[in-house]
Amino acid sequence: MPGWIIAVLTEPAGEPAPRRLFFAVGFPDQGQAEWKALDAAAAEAPVAPGPRGGVEPVQALAPLADAAMRRRGLLAGEVRPLGEAWPRNWL
């Protein structure tokens, strides 16, 4: 498993509710992938300090197979923001 889909819960200033951002991360180690996604999300908005409504601030949703990474053009070591919508095309 050379990559992961990671969700990060952020708390943007002026927003009434937390926002969940999704990332495709080209690191095989789950912990490292979570930290890379966390760093990318923190560049956009403050990360939630704890769970909100039962949702963890950082969550690995699914591993990415090598074939899926190649199909989507995700390189090893790359962190690609996928936005706020559920990344169903990646899962």
Protein backbone atom coordinates (compact mmCIF):
# COMPACT_ATOMS: atom_id res chain seq x y z
CA MET A 1 0.00 0.00 0.00
CA PRO A 2 1.94 3.01 -1.19
CA GLY A 3 -0.53 5.75 -0.23
CA TRP A 4 -3.49 6.86 1.88
CA ILE A 5 -6.65 8.94 1.77
CA ILE A 6 -6.61 11.15 4.87
CA ALA A 7 -9.35 13.40 6.32
CA VAL A 8 -8.43 16.39 8.51
CA LEU A 9 -10.93 18.38 10.55
CA THR A 10 -10.26 22.14 10.50
CA GLU A 11 -11.85 25.12 12.23
CA PRO A 12 -11.68 28.05 9.80
CA ALA A 13 -12.07 31.52 11.32
CA GLY A 14 -15.56 32.92 10.83
CA GLU A 15 -17.10 29.54 9.98
CA PRO A 16 -19.97 28.33 12.18
CA ALA A 17 -18.90 24.67 12.05
CA PRO A 18 -15.70 22.68 11.55
CA ARG A 19 -14.76 21.75 8.00
CA ARG A 20 -13.36 18.39 6.90
CA LEU A 21 -10.66 18.43 4.22
CA PHE A 22 -9.53 15.36 2.30
CA PHE A 23 -6.04 14.57 0.99
CA ALA A 24 -4.47 11.88 -1.15
CA VAL A 25 -1.02 11.23 0.31
CA GLY A 26 1.70 9.24 -1.44
CA PHE A 27 3.43 7.84 1.67
CA PRO A 28 3.18 4.12 2.55
CA ASP A 29 3.42 4.65 6.31
CA GLN A 30 0.00 5.59 7.74
CA GLY A 31 1.41 7.74 10.55
CA GLN A 32 3.67 9.67 8.19
CA ALA A 33 0.78 10.15 5.74
CA GLU A 34 -1.43 11.51 8.53
CA TRP A 35 1.26 14.01 9.59
CA LYS A 36 1.80 15.17 5.99
CA ALA A 37 -1.94 15.72 5.53
CA LEU A 38 -2.10 17.52 8.87
CA ASP A 39 0.69 19.88 7.78
CA ALA A 40 -1.10 20.59 4.48
CA ALA A 41 -4.42 21.26 6.23
CA ALA A 42 -2.78 23.52 8.83
CA ALA A 43 -1.55 25.74 5.99
CA GLU A 44 -5.20 26.40 5.06
CA ALA A 45 -6.91 26.68 8.46
CA PRO A 46 -6.36 25.82 12.13
CA VAL A 47 -6.76 22.10 12.80
CA ALA A 48 -9.39 21.04 15.35
CA PRO A 49 -7.69 20.29 18.68
CA GLY A 50 -9.96 17.32 19.44
CA PRO A 51 -12.91 15.30 18.17
CA ARG A 52 -16.03 17.19 17.09
CA GLY A 53 -19.32 15.33 16.90
CA GLY A 54 -17.55 11.97 17.06
CA VAL A 55 -15.20 12.83 14.19
CA GLU A 56 -11.47 12.59 14.90
CA PRO A 57 -9.30 15.56 13.82
CA VAL A 58 -7.08 13.34 11.64
CA GLN A 59 -8.32 10.07 10.21
CA ALA A 60 -6.88 7.65 7.65
CA LEU A 61 -9.89 6.63 5.57
CA ALA A 62 -8.41 4.05 3.24
CA PRO A 63 -5.14 2.84 1.80
CA LEU A 64 -4.39 3.59 -1.86
CA ALA A 65 -3.16 0.77 -4.04
CA ASP A 66 -0.23 1.39 -6.36
CA ALA A 67 -2.53 1.02 -9.39
CA ALA A 68 -4.93 3.67 -8.02
CA MET A 69 -2.04 6.07 -7.47
CA ARG A 70 -0.80 5.57 -11.03
CA ARG A 71 -4.31 6.03 -12.48
CA ARG A 72 -4.72 9.34 -10.65
CA GLY A 73 -1.14 10.50 -11.22
CA LEU A 74 -0.29 10.68 -7.51
CA LEU A 75 3.46 10.51 -7.03
CA ALA A 76 5.29 8.94 -4.12
CA GLY A 77 5.80 11.64 -1.49
CA GLU A 78 3.07 13.90 -2.92
CA VAL A 79 0.27 15.41 -0.82
CA ARG A 80 -2.69 16.30 -3.02
CA PRO A 81 -5.62 18.30 -1.58
CA LEU A 82 -8.96 16.82 -2.67
CA GLY A 83 -11.23 19.46 -1.16
CA GLU A 84 -14.23 19.20 1.15
CA ALA A 85 -16.38 16.72 -0.80
CA TRP A 86 -16.19 13.02 0.08
CA PRO A 87 -13.44 11.60 -2.22
CA ARG A 88 -15.60 8.79 -3.62
CA ASN A 89 -13.63 8.63 -6.87
CA TRP A 90 -10.51 7.81 -4.88
CA LEU A 91 -12.06 5.19 -2.58
